[in-house]
N, C-alpha and C. Protein backbone atom coordinates (compact mmCIF):
# COMPACT_ATOMS: atom_id res chain seq x y z
N UNK A 1 171.53 -36.46 197.03
CA UNK A 1 170.78 -37.23 196.93
C UNK A 1 169.71 -36.95 196.49
N UNK A 2 169.25 -37.15 195.40
CA UNK A 2 168.25 -36.98 194.05
C UNK A 2 166.89 -36.93 194.89
N UNK A 3 166.74 -35.27 194.13
CA UNK A 3 165.24 -35.45 194.86
C UNK A 3 164.53 -34.10 193.13
N UNK A 4 163.53 -34.05 193.57
CA UNK A 4 162.29 -33.37 192.45
C UNK A 4 161.29 -32.49 192.59
N UNK A 5 161.12 -31.36 191.32
CA UNK A 5 160.27 -30.79 191.70
C UNK A 5 159.71 -30.47 190.58
N UNK A 6 158.19 -30.51 191.07
CA UNK A 6 156.94 -30.76 189.44
C UNK A 6 155.69 -30.55 190.36
N UNK A 7 154.97 -30.24 188.92
CA UNK A 7 153.84 -29.27 189.44
C UNK A 7 152.31 -30.85 188.72
N UNK A 8 151.42 -31.28 189.62
CA UNK A 8 150.62 -31.87 188.95
C UNK A 8 149.24 -31.21 189.79
N UNK A 9 147.77 -31.97 188.87
CA UNK A 9 147.10 -31.47 189.10
C UNK A 9 145.57 -32.55 190.46
N UNK A 10 145.67 -32.03 191.06
CA UNK A 10 145.40 -32.51 192.87
C UNK A 10 143.84 -32.70 192.08
N UNK A 11 142.46 -33.84 192.28
CA UNK A 11 142.26 -34.58 192.38
C UNK A 11 140.59 -33.25 191.91
N UNK A 12 140.75 -32.14 192.75
CA UNK A 12 140.33 -31.36 192.86
C UNK A 12 140.00 -29.82 192.09
N UNK A 13 141.13 -30.31 191.35
CA UNK A 13 141.20 -29.71 190.31
C UNK A 13 142.30 -28.53 190.18
N UNK A 14 143.02 -28.56 191.52
CA UNK A 14 143.72 -26.91 191.75
C UNK A 14 145.57 -28.11 191.62
N UNK A 15 146.26 -27.06 191.35
CA UNK A 15 147.58 -26.93 190.83
C UNK A 15 148.24 -27.24 192.22
N UNK A 16 149.57 -28.10 192.24
CA UNK A 16 150.24 -28.79 193.71
C UNK A 16 151.44 -28.60 193.04
N UNK A 17 152.24 -27.86 193.28
CA UNK A 17 154.26 -27.60 192.69
C UNK A 17 154.33 -28.69 194.42
N UNK A 18 154.95 -29.36 194.13
CA UNK A 18 156.00 -30.35 195.40
C UNK A 18 157.28 -30.58 195.23
N UNK A 19 158.27 -30.80 196.15
CA UNK A 19 159.77 -30.67 195.74
C UNK A 19 159.61 -31.76 196.43
N UNK A 20 160.14 -33.15 196.25
CA UNK A 20 160.23 -33.96 196.94
C UNK A 20 161.00 -35.18 196.79
N UNK A 21 161.56 -36.44 197.55
CA UNK A 21 161.88 -37.09 196.88
C UNK A 21 161.67 -38.80 197.58
N UNK A 22 161.42 -39.17 196.10
CA UNK A 22 160.81 -40.52 196.18
C UNK A 22 161.40 -41.99 196.71
N UNK A 23 160.78 -42.43 197.66
CA UNK A 23 160.53 -43.76 198.67
C UNK A 23 161.68 -44.27 197.61
N UNK A 24 162.11 -44.82 197.21
CA UNK A 24 163.45 -45.63 196.73
C UNK A 24 164.52 -44.66 196.85
N UNK A 25 164.80 -43.02 196.93
CA UNK A 25 165.48 -42.68 197.23
C UNK A 25 165.97 -42.03 198.45
N UNK A 26 164.82 -42.63 199.73
CA UNK A 26 164.78 -42.17 200.69
C UNK A 26 166.11 -42.79 201.34
N UNK A 27 167.10 -41.88 202.53
CA UNK A 27 167.83 -43.81 203.44
C UNK A 27 166.68 -44.14 204.17
N UNK A 28 167.34 -46.10 204.00
CA UNK A 28 166.29 -46.84 204.85
C UNK A 28 165.62 -46.37 206.41
N UNK A 29 166.92 -46.03 206.96
CA UNK A 29 166.86 -45.47 208.74
C UNK A 29 165.89 -44.78 208.36
N UNK A 30 165.96 -43.57 207.35
CA UNK A 30 164.97 -42.44 207.33
C UNK A 30 163.60 -43.12 207.38
N UNK A 31 163.11 -43.88 206.20
CA UNK A 31 161.58 -43.99 205.82
C UNK A 31 161.79 -45.26 207.39
N UNK A 32 162.42 -45.89 207.63
CA UNK A 32 161.78 -46.76 209.10
C UNK A 32 161.56 -45.93 210.21
N UNK A 33 162.40 -44.86 210.08
CA UNK A 33 161.81 -44.18 211.46
C UNK A 33 160.63 -43.27 211.36
N UNK A 34 160.17 -43.33 209.82
CA UNK A 34 158.98 -42.01 209.79
C UNK A 34 158.07 -42.66 209.52
N UNK A 35 157.94 -44.23 209.57
CA UNK A 35 156.99 -44.71 209.58
C UNK A 35 156.56 -46.02 210.45
N UNK A 36 155.13 -46.45 210.68
CA UNK A 36 154.85 -47.68 211.67
C UNK A 36 153.70 -48.24 210.86
N UNK A 37 153.08 -48.90 211.32
CA UNK A 37 151.83 -49.58 210.96
C UNK A 37 151.96 -51.02 211.01
N UNK A 38 150.83 -51.61 209.73
CA UNK A 38 150.61 -53.23 210.49
C UNK A 38 151.31 -53.96 209.25
N UNK A 39 152.79 -52.67 208.36
CA UNK A 39 153.04 -54.20 207.48
C UNK A 39 152.22 -54.44 206.01
N UNK A 40 151.24 -53.67 206.23
CA UNK A 40 149.89 -54.14 204.68
C UNK A 40 150.49 -52.99 203.65
N UNK A 41 150.58 -53.45 202.64
CA UNK A 41 151.35 -52.36 201.85
C UNK A 41 149.86 -51.33 201.41
N UNK A 42 150.11 -50.17 200.89
CA UNK A 42 148.39 -49.03 201.05
C UNK A 42 148.92 -49.41 199.19
N UNK A 43 147.38 -49.45 198.95
CA UNK A 43 147.59 -49.34 197.51
C UNK A 43 146.98 -47.65 196.94
N UNK A 44 147.39 -47.39 196.27
CA UNK A 44 147.98 -46.09 195.69
C UNK A 44 146.85 -46.11 194.24
N UNK A 45 146.52 -45.54 193.51
CA UNK A 45 145.75 -44.97 191.78
C UNK A 45 146.94 -45.07 191.29
N UNK A 46 146.52 -45.99 190.34
CA UNK A 46 148.16 -46.17 189.28
C UNK A 46 148.19 -44.13 188.93
N UNK A 47 149.45 -44.68 188.59
CA UNK A 47 150.06 -43.11 189.11
C UNK A 47 150.84 -42.60 190.37
N UNK A 48 149.96 -42.87 190.85
CA UNK A 48 150.03 -42.00 191.98
C UNK A 48 151.54 -43.02 192.75
N UNK A 49 151.98 -41.99 193.43
CA UNK A 49 153.81 -42.49 194.13
C UNK A 49 154.22 -41.26 194.98
N UNK A 50 153.71 -42.10 196.09
CA UNK A 50 154.20 -41.89 198.13
C UNK A 50 155.88 -41.07 198.43
N UNK A 51 155.93 -40.21 198.51
CA UNK A 51 157.37 -39.62 198.41
C UNK A 51 157.32 -38.40 199.60
N UNK A 52 158.16 -38.21 200.10
CA UNK A 52 158.66 -37.47 200.67
C UNK A 52 159.07 -35.77 200.40
N UNK A 53 157.82 -35.18 201.21
CA UNK A 53 157.43 -33.80 200.66
C UNK A 53 158.57 -32.88 201.50
N UNK A 54 159.43 -32.31 200.98
CA UNK A 54 161.11 -31.93 201.55
C UNK A 54 160.12 -30.02 202.40
N UNK A 55 159.02 -30.07 201.57
CA UNK A 55 158.60 -28.62 202.17
C UNK A 55 157.95 -28.82 203.42
N UNK A 56 156.33 -29.80 203.52
CA UNK A 56 155.72 -29.97 204.76
C UNK A 56 156.47 -31.18 205.18
N UNK A 57 157.39 -31.86 204.92
CA UNK A 57 158.61 -32.52 205.84
C UNK A 57 157.56 -33.80 206.39
N UNK A 58 156.70 -33.99 204.92
CA UNK A 58 155.90 -35.53 205.77
C UNK A 58 155.41 -36.23 204.21
N UNK A 59 154.85 -37.28 203.92
CA UNK A 59 154.74 -38.17 203.46
C UNK A 59 153.70 -37.77 202.56
N UNK A 60 153.36 -37.60 201.27
CA UNK A 60 153.13 -36.98 200.24
C UNK A 60 152.18 -37.95 199.07
N UNK A 61 151.18 -38.08 198.64
CA UNK A 61 151.26 -38.19 197.50
C UNK A 61 151.63 -37.65 195.89
N UNK A 62 152.18 -37.52 195.49
CA UNK A 62 152.28 -37.40 193.95
C UNK A 62 151.52 -37.60 192.57
N UNK A 63 151.09 -37.21 192.18
CA UNK A 63 150.41 -37.49 190.81
C UNK A 63 150.68 -37.64 189.69
N UNK A 64 151.42 -38.71 189.07
CA UNK A 64 152.14 -38.98 187.40
C UNK A 64 151.14 -38.45 186.23
N UNK A 65 150.52 -38.84 186.80
CA UNK A 65 149.14 -38.84 185.45
C UNK A 65 148.46 -37.37 185.26
N UNK A 66 148.68 -36.63 186.37
CA UNK A 66 148.57 -35.12 186.47
C UNK A 66 149.23 -34.59 185.73
N UNK A 67 150.34 -34.97 185.57
CA UNK A 67 151.51 -33.98 185.06
C UNK A 67 151.53 -33.37 184.68
N UNK A 68 151.94 -31.51 185.03
CA UNK A 68 152.55 -30.09 184.86
C UNK A 68 153.52 -30.00 183.88
N UNK A 69 153.83 -29.76 182.82
CA UNK A 69 155.07 -29.99 182.13
C UNK A 69 155.84 -30.74 182.38
N UNK A 70 157.29 -30.33 183.04
CA UNK A 70 158.00 -31.14 182.90
C UNK A 70 158.83 -31.87 185.09
N UNK A 71 159.46 -33.04 185.06
CA UNK A 71 159.94 -32.93 186.39
C UNK A 71 161.36 -32.50 186.17
N UNK A 72 161.18 -31.57 187.21
CA UNK A 72 163.12 -31.18 187.50
C UNK A 72 163.85 -32.07 188.12
N UNK A 73 165.22 -32.31 188.45
CA UNK A 73 166.24 -33.40 188.86
C UNK A 73 166.37 -31.56 190.10
N UNK A 74 166.88 -32.65 191.12
CA UNK A 74 168.00 -31.69 191.64
C UNK A 74 168.63 -32.30 192.87
N UNK A 75 169.07 -31.81 193.48
CA UNK A 75 170.60 -32.86 194.47
C UNK A 75 170.05 -31.90 195.83
N UNK A 76 170.24 -32.20 196.46
CA UNK A 76 170.27 -32.53 197.92
C UNK A 76 171.54 -33.26 198.90
N UNK A 77 171.59 -32.26 199.92
CA UNK A 77 173.18 -33.20 201.21
C UNK A 77 172.51 -34.10 202.13
N UNK A 78 171.01 -33.58 202.47
CA UNK A 78 170.35 -33.75 203.69
C UNK A 78 169.17 -33.28 203.74
N UNK A 79 167.85 -34.53 203.94
CA UNK A 79 166.62 -34.57 203.63
C UNK A 79 166.17 -33.41 205.22
N UNK A 80 166.83 -32.11 206.05
CA UNK A 80 166.58 -31.85 207.41
C UNK A 80 167.43 -30.17 206.67
N UNK A 81 168.16 -30.09 205.24
CA UNK A 81 168.50 -29.63 204.45
C UNK A 81 167.86 -29.02 203.61
N UNK A 82 166.58 -29.26 203.06
CA UNK A 82 166.04 -29.12 201.60
C UNK A 82 166.92 -27.91 200.98
N UNK A 83 166.96 -26.58 201.10
CA UNK A 83 167.84 -25.33 200.75
C UNK A 83 169.15 -25.64 200.87
N UNK A 84 169.09 -26.59 199.38
CA UNK A 84 171.32 -26.84 199.25
C UNK A 84 170.79 -25.81 197.82
N UNK A 85 172.19 -26.40 196.93
CA UNK A 85 172.75 -26.13 196.18
C UNK A 85 172.26 -27.11 195.12
N UNK A 86 172.30 -26.27 193.90
CA UNK A 86 170.87 -26.78 192.59
C UNK A 86 169.55 -26.99 193.25
N UNK A 87 169.51 -26.81 194.24
CA UNK A 87 168.24 -26.44 194.41
C UNK A 87 166.90 -25.34 193.57
N UNK A 88 166.51 -25.70 192.81
CA UNK A 88 165.42 -24.60 191.80
C UNK A 88 164.50 -23.78 192.28
N UNK A 89 164.07 -24.18 193.69
CA UNK A 89 163.17 -23.55 194.10
C UNK A 89 163.93 -23.04 195.43
N UNK A 90 162.96 -21.21 196.03
CA UNK A 90 163.93 -20.49 196.75
C UNK A 90 164.61 -21.26 197.39
């Protein structure tokens, strides 16, 4: 599955580098198993995207408006195996 590596500036001004999978690239059964709620859509600020953080193993927000450099694309076999071939980070 397609994954990304990117760095962005957080609201507090610090930098954050994240390896993540976008929601539209997550298997539907995985997304459903990791979420629960009322069915209401969460309003994120423009440019902010909900993603699955491969290192934290949880949902996080990636801010595309404050991206530093370019997103790198790589592939992972499985969400539980974030350390896979073509993975640009350790």
